[in-house]
Amino acid sequence: MFEGIVCFQRKGKKDKNDTVNDTVKEDEILRLIKISNKISARRIAKETEYSIATAKRYMAKPKEKGKLKRIGPDKGGYWEMRNAN
């Protein structure tokens, strides 16, 4: 009778493991950008096996912190790594 029903967990506060996982994902993306500063969000998603939306979300956090800046347009531009405190 309940076959095929998916149960969802309630969204609540993040626990410590979620924060650690977020940091690991950000670090992985920053590592790829460090290797190739012209890498696209699509390529990052492919390399990390994240969705494009997830890759963009984890790229946004270092941008907000001032660690990462996009120079130029989406096509032909590049990423600049910055030391932010």
PDB file of N, CA and C in Angstrom:
ATOM      1  N   MET A   1       0.811  -1.189   0.000  1.00  0.00           N
ATOM      2  CA  MET A   1       0.000   0.000   0.000  1.00  0.00           C
ATOM      3  C   MET A   1       0.864   1.267   0.000  1.00  0.00           C
ATOM      4  N   PHE A   2       1.964   1.280   0.745  1.00  0.00           N
ATOM      5  CA  PHE A   2       2.827   2.455   0.831  1.00  0.00           C
ATOM      6  C   PHE A   2       4.073   2.305  -0.027  1.00  0.00           C
ATOM      7  N   GLU A   3       4.040   1.406  -0.956  1.00  0.00           N
ATOM      8  CA  GLU A   3       5.189   1.175  -1.811  1.00  0.00           C
ATOM      9  C   GLU A   3       5.463   2.408  -2.673  1.00  0.00           C
ATOM     10  N   GLY A   4       6.720   2.785  -2.779  1.00  0.00           N
ATOM     11  CA  GLY A   4       7.098   3.936  -3.600  1.00  0.00           C
ATOM     12  C   GLY A   4       6.970   5.279  -2.918  1.00  0.00           C
ATOM     13  N   ILE A   5       6.558   5.309  -1.668  1.00  0.00           N
ATOM     14  CA  ILE A   5       6.437   6.568  -0.947  1.00  0.00           C
ATOM     15  C   ILE A   5       7.804   6.933  -0.383  1.00  0.00           C
ATOM     16  N   VAL A   6       8.194   8.157  -0.575  1.00  0.00           N
ATOM     17  CA  VAL A   6       9.478   8.633  -0.092  1.00  0.00           C
ATOM     18  C   VAL A   6       9.245   9.496   1.132  1.00  0.00           C
ATOM     19  N   CYS A   7      10.001   9.240   2.173  1.00  0.00           N
ATOM     20  CA  CYS A   7       9.902  10.044   3.392  1.00  0.00           C
ATOM     21  C   CYS A   7      10.998  11.100   3.377  1.00  0.00           C
ATOM     22  N   PHE A   8      10.662  12.280   3.780  1.00  0.00           N
ATOM     23  CA  PHE A   8      11.630  13.371   3.829  1.00  0.00           C
ATOM     24  C   PHE A   8      11.890  13.743   5.277  1.00  0.00           C
ATOM     25  N   GLN A   9      13.144  14.071   5.550  1.00  0.00           N
ATOM     26  CA  GLN A   9      13.485  14.543   6.888  1.00  0.00           C
ATOM     27  C   GLN A   9      13.143  16.022   6.966  1.00  0.00           C
ATOM     28  N   ARG A  10      12.758  16.439   8.141  1.00  0.00           N
ATOM     29  CA  ARG A  10      12.499  17.859   8.348  1.00  0.00           C
ATOM     30  C   ARG A  10      13.813  18.618   8.304  1.00  0.00           C
ATOM     31  N   LYS A  11      13.763  19.768   7.709  1.00  0.00           N
ATOM     32  CA  LYS A  11      14.958  20.601   7.692  1.00  0.00           C
ATOM     33  C   LYS A  11      15.071  21.289   9.033  1.00  0.00           C
ATOM     34  N   GLY A  12      16.213  21.180   9.612  1.00  0.00           N
ATOM     35  CA  GLY A  12      16.446  21.818  10.893  1.00  0.00           C
ATOM     36  C   GLY A  12      17.786  22.503  10.884  1.00  0.00           C
ATOM     37  N   LYS A  13      18.321  22.669  12.048  1.00  0.00           N
ATOM     38  CA  LYS A  13      19.634  23.288  12.154  1.00  0.00           C
ATOM     39  C   LYS A  13      20.681  22.345  11.586  1.00  0.00           C
ATOM     40  N   LYS A  14      21.713  22.940  11.031  1.00  0.00           N
ATOM     41  CA  LYS A  14      22.830  22.144  10.548  1.00  0.00           C
ATOM     42  C   LYS A  14      23.610  21.620  11.736  1.00  0.00           C
ATOM     43  N   ASP A  15      24.063  20.387  11.614  1.00  0.00           N
ATOM     44  CA  ASP A  15      24.930  19.887  12.661  1.00  0.00           C
ATOM     45  C   ASP A  15      26.387  20.062  12.223  1.00  0.00           C
ATOM     46  N   LYS A  16      27.292  19.663  13.079  1.00  0.00           N
ATOM     47  CA  LYS A  16      28.715  19.866  12.839  1.00  0.00           C
ATOM     48  C   LYS A  16      29.173  19.170  11.551  1.00  0.00           C
ATOM     49  N   ASN A  17      28.648  17.975  11.283  1.00  0.00           N
ATOM     50  CA  ASN A  17      29.051  17.241  10.084  1.00  0.00           C
ATOM     51  C   ASN A  17      28.636  17.953   8.806  1.00  0.00           C
ATOM     52  N   ASP A  18      27.480  18.597   8.817  1.00  0.00           N
ATOM     53  CA  ASP A  18      27.042  19.351   7.641  1.00  0.00           C
ATOM     54  C   ASP A  18      28.010  20.488   7.347  1.00  0.00           C
ATOM     55  N   THR A  19      28.443  21.183   8.371  1.00  0.00           N
ATOM     56  CA  THR A  19      29.374  22.294   8.204  1.00  0.00           C
ATOM     57  C   THR A  19      30.714  21.795   7.685  1.00  0.00           C
ATOM     58  N   VAL A  20      31.175  20.676   8.204  1.00  0.00           N
ATOM     59  CA  VAL A  20      32.436  20.085   7.740  1.00  0.00           C
ATOM     60  C   VAL A  20      32.298  19.677   6.280  1.00  0.00           C
ATOM     61  N   ASN A  21      31.184  19.054   5.919  1.00  0.00           N
ATOM     62  CA  ASN A  21      30.969  18.650   4.531  1.00  0.00           C
ATOM     63  C   ASN A  21      30.928  19.852   3.605  1.00  0.00           C
ATOM     64  N   ASP A  22      30.306  20.937   4.031  1.00  0.00           N
ATOM     65  CA  ASP A  22      30.267  22.164   3.234  1.00  0.00           C
ATOM     66  C   ASP A  22      31.677  22.683   2.990  1.00  0.00           C
ATOM     67  N   THR A  23      32.494  22.681   4.022  1.00  0.00           N
ATOM     68  CA  THR A  23      33.873  23.161   3.905  1.00  0.00           C
ATOM     69  C   THR A  23      34.671  22.279   2.958  1.00  0.00           C
ATOM     70  N   VAL A  24      34.468  20.978   3.046  1.00  0.00           N
ATOM     71  CA  VAL A  24      35.168  20.047   2.163  1.00  0.00           C
ATOM     72  C   VAL A  24      34.769  20.307   0.711  1.00  0.00           C
ATOM     73  N   LYS A  25      33.491  20.533   0.467  1.00  0.00           N
ATOM     74  CA  LYS A  25      33.014  20.805  -0.891  1.00  0.00           C
ATOM     75  C   LYS A  25      33.591  22.119  -1.418  1.00  0.00           C
ATOM     76  N   GLU A  26      33.601  23.135  -0.585  1.00  0.00           N
ATOM     77  CA  GLU A  26      34.185  24.416  -0.992  1.00  0.00           C
ATOM     78  C   GLU A  26      35.664  24.248  -1.303  1.00  0.00           C
ATOM     79  N   ASP A  27      36.380  23.527  -0.446  1.00  0.00           N
ATOM     80  CA  ASP A  27      37.811  23.306  -0.654  1.00  0.00           C
ATOM     81  C   ASP A  27      38.079  22.538  -1.950  1.00  0.00           C
ATOM     82  N   GLU A  28      37.236  21.565  -2.239  1.00  0.00           N
ATOM     83  CA  GLU A  28      37.382  20.788  -3.467  1.00  0.00           C
ATOM     84  C   GLU A  28      37.210  21.680  -4.700  1.00  0.00           C
ATOM     85  N   ILE A  29      36.221  22.553  -4.643  1.00  0.00           N
ATOM     86  CA  ILE A  29      35.980  23.472  -5.756  1.00  0.00           C
ATOM     87  C   ILE A  29      37.127  24.471  -5.887  1.00  0.00           C
ATOM     88  N   LEU A  30      37.604  25.002  -4.781  1.00  0.00           N
ATOM     89  CA  LEU A  30      38.732  25.939  -4.817  1.00  0.00           C
ATOM     90  C   LEU A  30      39.991  25.268  -5.355  1.00  0.00           C
ATOM     91  N   ARG A  31      40.185  23.999  -5.025  1.00  0.00           N
ATOM     92  CA  ARG A  31      41.343  23.246  -5.536  1.00  0.00           C
ATOM     93  C   ARG A  31      41.273  23.146  -7.065  1.00  0.00           C
ATOM     94  N   LEU A  32      40.084  22.852  -7.595  1.00  0.00           N
ATOM     95  CA  LEU A  32      39.919  22.764  -9.051  1.00  0.00           C
ATOM     96  C   LEU A  32      40.170  24.115  -9.717  1.00  0.00           C
ATOM     97  N   ILE A  33      39.708  25.186  -9.088  1.00  0.00           N
ATOM     98  CA  ILE A  33      39.918  26.530  -9.643  1.00  0.00           C
ATOM     99  C   ILE A  33      41.400  26.886  -9.598  1.00  0.00           C
ATOM    100  N   LYS A  34      42.083  26.444  -8.555  1.00  0.00           N
ATOM    101  CA  LYS A  34      43.521  26.713  -8.436  1.00  0.00           C
ATOM    102  C   LYS A  34      44.295  26.002  -9.552  1.00  0.00           C
ATOM    103  N   ILE A  35      43.842  24.803  -9.907  1.00  0.00           N
ATOM    104  CA  ILE A  35      44.490  24.045 -10.979  1.00  0.00           C
ATOM    105  C   ILE A  35      44.253  24.713 -12.330  1.00  0.00           C
ATOM    106  N   SER A  36      43.030  25.161 -12.566  1.00  0.00           N
ATOM    107  CA  SER A  36      42.686  25.814 -13.833  1.00  0.00           C
ATOM    108  C   SER A  36      41.756  26.982 -13.550  1.00  0.00           C
ATOM    109  N   ASN A  37      42.293  28.191 -13.598  1.00  0.00           N
ATOM    110  CA  ASN A  37      41.485  29.360 -13.238  1.00  0.00           C
ATOM    111  C   ASN A  37      40.448  29.732 -14.299  1.00  0.00           C
ATOM    112  N   LYS A  38      40.437  29.033 -15.423  1.00  0.00           N
ATOM    113  CA  LYS A  38      39.431  29.297 -16.461  1.00  0.00           C
ATOM    114  C   LYS A  38      38.325  28.241 -16.457  1.00  0.00           C
ATOM    115  N   ILE A  39      38.277  27.414 -15.430  1.00  0.00           N
ATOM    116  CA  ILE A  39      37.294  26.340 -15.348  1.00  0.00           C
ATOM    117  C   ILE A  39      35.878  26.895 -15.199  1.00  0.00           C
ATOM    118  N   SER A  40      34.923  26.232 -15.811  1.00  0.00           N
ATOM    119  CA  SER A  40      33.527  26.677 -15.760  1.00  0.00           C
ATOM    120  C   SER A  40      32.783  25.944 -14.643  1.00  0.00           C
ATOM    121  N   ALA A  41      31.644  26.488 -14.263  1.00  0.00           N
ATOM    122  CA  ALA A  41      30.800  25.838 -13.255  1.00  0.00           C
ATOM    123  C   ALA A  41      30.355  24.469 -13.762  1.00  0.00           C
ATOM    124  N   ARG A  42      30.081  24.373 -15.046  1.00  0.00           N
ATOM    125  CA  ARG A  42      29.674  23.098 -15.639  1.00  0.00           C
ATOM    126  C   ARG A  42      30.789  22.051 -15.489  1.00  0.00           C
ATOM    127  N   ARG A  43      32.023  22.470 -15.746  1.00  0.00           N
ATOM    128  CA  ARG A  43      33.167  21.549 -15.634  1.00  0.00           C
ATOM    129  C   ARG A  43      33.403  21.169 -14.173  1.00  0.00           C
ATOM    130  N   ILE A  44      33.254  22.118 -13.265  1.00  0.00           N
ATOM    131  CA  ILE A  44      33.398  21.831 -11.835  1.00  0.00           C
ATOM    132  C   ILE A  44      32.351  20.804 -11.413  1.00  0.00           C
ATOM    133  N   ALA A  45      31.125  20.995 -11.890  1.00  0.00           N
ATOM    134  CA  ALA A  45      30.048  20.043 -11.569  1.00  0.00           C
ATOM    135  C   ALA A  45      30.396  18.655 -12.089  1.00  0.00           C
ATOM    136  N   LYS A  46      30.932  18.587 -13.278  1.00  0.00           N
ATOM    137  CA  LYS A  46      31.295  17.291 -13.858  1.00  0.00           C
ATOM    138  C   LYS A  46      32.424  16.633 -13.074  1.00  0.00           C
ATOM    139  N   GLU A  47      33.441  17.398 -12.724  1.00  0.00           N
ATOM    140  CA  GLU A  47      34.603  16.861 -12.005  1.00  0.00           C
ATOM    141  C   GLU A  47      34.251  16.401 -10.591  1.00  0.00           C
ATOM    142  N   THR A  48      33.358  17.122  -9.940  1.00  0.00           N
ATOM    143  CA  THR A  48      33.003  16.812  -8.551  1.00  0.00           C
ATOM    144  C   THR A  48      31.788  15.891  -8.436  1.00  0.00           C
ATOM    145  N   GLU A  49      31.108  15.694  -9.571  1.00  0.00           N
ATOM    146  CA  GLU A  49      29.874  14.910  -9.617  1.00  0.00           C
ATOM    147  C   GLU A  49      28.751  15.553  -8.797  1.00  0.00           C
ATOM    148  N   TYR A  50      28.778  16.887  -8.708  1.00  0.00           N
ATOM    149  CA  TYR A  50      27.689  17.653  -8.110  1.00  0.00           C
ATOM    150  C   TYR A  50      26.811  18.144  -9.258  1.00  0.00           C
ATOM    151  N   SER A  51      25.606  18.567  -8.935  1.00  0.00           N
ATOM    152  CA  SER A  51      24.787  19.220  -9.951  1.00  0.00           C
ATOM    153  C   SER A  51      25.392  20.608 -10.207  1.00  0.00           C
ATOM    154  N   ILE A  52      25.021  21.200 -11.322  1.00  0.00           N
ATOM    155  CA  ILE A  52      25.526  22.542 -11.629  1.00  0.00           C
ATOM    156  C   ILE A  52      25.063  23.533 -10.560  1.00  0.00           C
ATOM    157  N   ALA A  53      23.825  23.378 -10.112  1.00  0.00           N
ATOM    158  CA  ALA A  53      23.294  24.272  -9.072  1.00  0.00           C
ATOM    159  C   ALA A  53      24.100  24.143  -7.783  1.00  0.00           C
ATOM    160  N   THR A  54      24.453  22.912  -7.414  1.00  0.00           N
ATOM    161  CA  THR A  54      25.241  22.696  -6.193  1.00  0.00           C
ATOM    162  C   THR A  54      26.632  23.297  -6.352  1.00  0.00           C
ATOM    163  N   ALA A  55      27.244  23.089  -7.500  1.00  0.00           N
ATOM    164  CA  ALA A  55      28.573  23.659  -7.748  1.00  0.00           C
ATOM    165  C   ALA A  55      28.526  25.178  -7.633  1.00  0.00           C
ATOM    166  N   LYS A  56      27.517  25.796  -8.244  1.00  0.00           N
ATOM    167  CA  LYS A  56      27.391  27.256  -8.179  1.00  0.00           C
ATOM    168  C   LYS A  56      27.153  27.727  -6.755  1.00  0.00           C
ATOM    169  N   ARG A  57      26.368  26.978  -5.995  1.00  0.00           N
ATOM    170  CA  ARG A  57      26.094  27.349  -4.597  1.00  0.00           C
ATOM    171  C   ARG A  57      27.387  27.332  -3.783  1.00  0.00           C
ATOM    172  N   TYR A  58      28.212  26.311  -3.981  1.00  0.00           N
ATOM    173  CA  TYR A  58      29.459  26.234  -3.224  1.00  0.00           C
ATOM    174  C   TYR A  58      30.532  27.172  -3.772  1.00  0.00           C
ATOM    175  N   MET A  59      30.377  27.651  -4.995  1.00  0.00           N
ATOM    176  CA  MET A  59      31.280  28.671  -5.523  1.00  0.00           C
ATOM    177  C   MET A  59      30.885  30.041  -4.976  1.00  0.00           C
ATOM    178  N   ALA A  60      29.620  30.226  -4.661  1.00  0.00           N
ATOM    179  CA  ALA A  60      29.136  31.521  -4.173  1.00  0.00           C
ATOM    180  C   ALA A  60      29.685  31.842  -2.788  1.00  0.00           C
ATOM    181  N   LYS A  61      29.860  30.838  -1.950  1.00  0.00           N
ATOM    182  CA  LYS A  61      30.312  31.095  -0.576  1.00  0.00           C
ATOM    183  C   LYS A  61      31.707  31.717  -0.532  1.00  0.00           C
ATOM    184  N   PRO A  62      32.704  31.162  -1.236  1.00  0.00           N
ATOM    185  CA  PRO A  62      34.020  31.833  -1.234  1.00  0.00           C
ATOM    186  C   PRO A  62      33.972  33.217  -1.883  1.00  0.00           C
ATOM    187  N   LYS A  63      33.079  33.401  -2.862  1.00  0.00           N
ATOM    188  CA  LYS A  63      32.929  34.724  -3.476  1.00  0.00           C
ATOM    189  C   LYS A  63      32.424  35.725  -2.445  1.00  0.00           C
ATOM    190  N   GLU A  64      31.449  35.313  -1.633  1.00  0.00           N
ATOM    191  CA  GLU A  64      30.907  36.194  -0.586  1.00  0.00           C
ATOM    192  C   GLU A  64      31.962  36.535   0.459  1.00  0.00           C
ATOM    193  N   LYS A  65      32.849  35.588   0.744  1.00  0.00           N
ATOM    194  CA  LYS A  65      33.902  35.790   1.745  1.00  0.00           C
ATOM    195  C   LYS A  65      35.086  36.573   1.183  1.00  0.00           C
ATOM    196  N   GLY A  66      35.078  36.839  -0.125  1.00  0.00           N
ATOM    197  CA  GLY A  66      36.175  37.576  -0.745  1.00  0.00           C
ATOM    198  C   GLY A  66      37.360  36.705  -1.114  1.00  0.00           C
ATOM    199  N   LYS A  67      37.206  35.397  -1.055  1.00  0.00           N
ATOM    200  CA  LYS A  67      38.301  34.488  -1.399  1.00  0.00           C
ATOM    201  C   LYS A  67      38.400  34.238  -2.897  1.00  0.00           C
ATOM    202  N   LEU A  68      37.318  34.515  -3.612  1.00  0.00           N
ATOM    203  CA  LEU A  68      37.243  34.172  -5.020  1.00  0.00           C
ATOM    204  C   LEU A  68      36.534  35.295  -5.768  1.00  0.00           C
ATOM    205  N   LYS A  69      37.070  35.632  -6.929  1.00  0.00           N
ATOM    206  CA  LYS A  69      36.446  36.684  -7.736  1.00  0.00           C
ATOM    207  C   LYS A  69      36.496  36.270  -9.200  1.00  0.00           C
ATOM    208  N   ARG A  70      35.399  36.505  -9.886  1.00  0.00           N
ATOM    209  CA  ARG A  70      35.336  36.226 -11.322  1.00  0.00           C
ATOM    210  C   ARG A  70      35.765  37.481 -12.064  1.00  0.00           C
ATOM    211  N   ILE A  71      36.752  37.345 -12.946  1.00  0.00           N
ATOM    212  CA  ILE A  71      37.252  38.442 -13.761  1.00  0.00           C
ATOM    213  C   ILE A  71      36.801  38.183 -15.195  1.00  0.00           C
ATOM    214  N   GLY A  72      36.079  39.119 -15.752  1.00  0.00           N
ATOM    215  CA  GLY A  72      35.626  38.982 -17.132  1.00  0.00           C
ATOM    216  C   GLY A  72      34.311  38.238 -17.243  1.00  0.00           C
ATOM    217  N   PRO A  73      33.882  37.998 -18.485  1.00  0.00           N
ATOM    218  CA  PRO A  73      32.589  37.357 -18.724  1.00  0.00           C
ATOM    219  C   PRO A  73      32.640  35.848 -18.469  1.00  0.00           C
ATOM    220  N   ASP A  74      31.466  35.221 -18.511  1.00  0.00           N
ATOM    221  CA  ASP A  74      31.397  33.771 -18.324  1.00  0.00           C
ATOM    222  C   ASP A  74      32.247  33.044 -19.359  1.00  0.00           C
ATOM    223  N   LYS A  75      32.163  33.477 -20.587  1.00  0.00           N
ATOM    224  CA  LYS A  75      33.013  32.904 -21.640  1.00  0.00           C
ATOM    225  C   LYS A  75      34.225  33.800 -21.808  1.00  0.00           C
ATOM    226  N   GLY A  76      35.388  33.239 -21.612  1.00  0.00           N
ATOM    227  CA  GLY A  76      36.614  34.012 -21.794  1.00  0.00           C
ATOM    228  C   GLY A  76      37.163  34.627 -20.518  1.00  0.00           C
ATOM    229  N   GLY A  77      36.415  34.577 -19.431  1.00  0.00           N
ATOM    230  CA  GLY A  77      36.890  35.128 -18.163  1.00  0.00           C
ATOM    231  C   GLY A  77      37.687  34.097 -17.375  1.00  0.00           C
ATOM    232  N   TYR A  78      38.091  34.468 -16.184  1.00  0.00           N
ATOM    233  CA  TYR A  78      38.853  33.556 -15.328  1.00  0.00           C
ATOM    234  C   TYR A  78      38.572  33.867 -13.863  1.00  0.00           C
ATOM    235  N   TRP A  79      38.963  32.945 -13.012  1.00  0.00           N
ATOM    236  CA  TRP A  79      38.798  33.088 -11.565  1.00  0.00           C
ATOM    237  C   TRP A  79      40.082  33.612 -10.951  1.00  0.00           C
ATOM    238  N   GLU A  80      39.934  34.498  -9.990  1.00  0.00           N
ATOM    239  CA  GLU A  80      41.091  35.020  -9.252  1.00  0.00           C
ATOM    240  C   GLU A  80      40.942  34.599  -7.796  1.00  0.00           C
ATOM    241  N   MET A  81      41.955  33.926  -7.281  1.00  0.00           N
ATOM    242  CA  MET A  81      41.966  33.502  -5.881  1.00  0.00           C
ATOM    243  C   MET A  81      42.539  34.654  -5.056  1.00  0.00           C
ATOM    244  N   ARG A  82      41.904  34.928  -3.931  1.00  0.00           N
ATOM    245  CA  ARG A  82      42.348  36.022  -3.071  1.00  0.00           C
ATOM    246  C   ARG A  82      42.508  35.504  -1.643  1.00  0.00           C
ATOM    247  N   ASN A  83      43.385  36.148  -0.918  1.00  0.00           N
ATOM    248  CA  ASN A  83      43.534  35.839   0.505  1.00  0.00           C
ATOM    249  C   ASN A  83      42.625  36.763   1.282  1.00  0.00           C
ATOM    250  N   ALA A  84      41.562  36.204   1.806  1.00  0.00           N
ATOM    251  CA  ALA A  84      40.612  37.008   2.594  1.00  0.00           C
ATOM    252  C   ALA A  84      40.703  36.589   4.047  1.00  0.00           C
ATOM    253  N   ASN A  85      40.609  37.565   4.915  1.00  0.00           N
ATOM    254  CA  ASN A  85      40.677  37.263   6.362  1.00  0.00           C
ATOM    255  C   ASN A  85      39.321  37.160   6.947  1.00  0.00           C
TER     256      ASN A  85
END
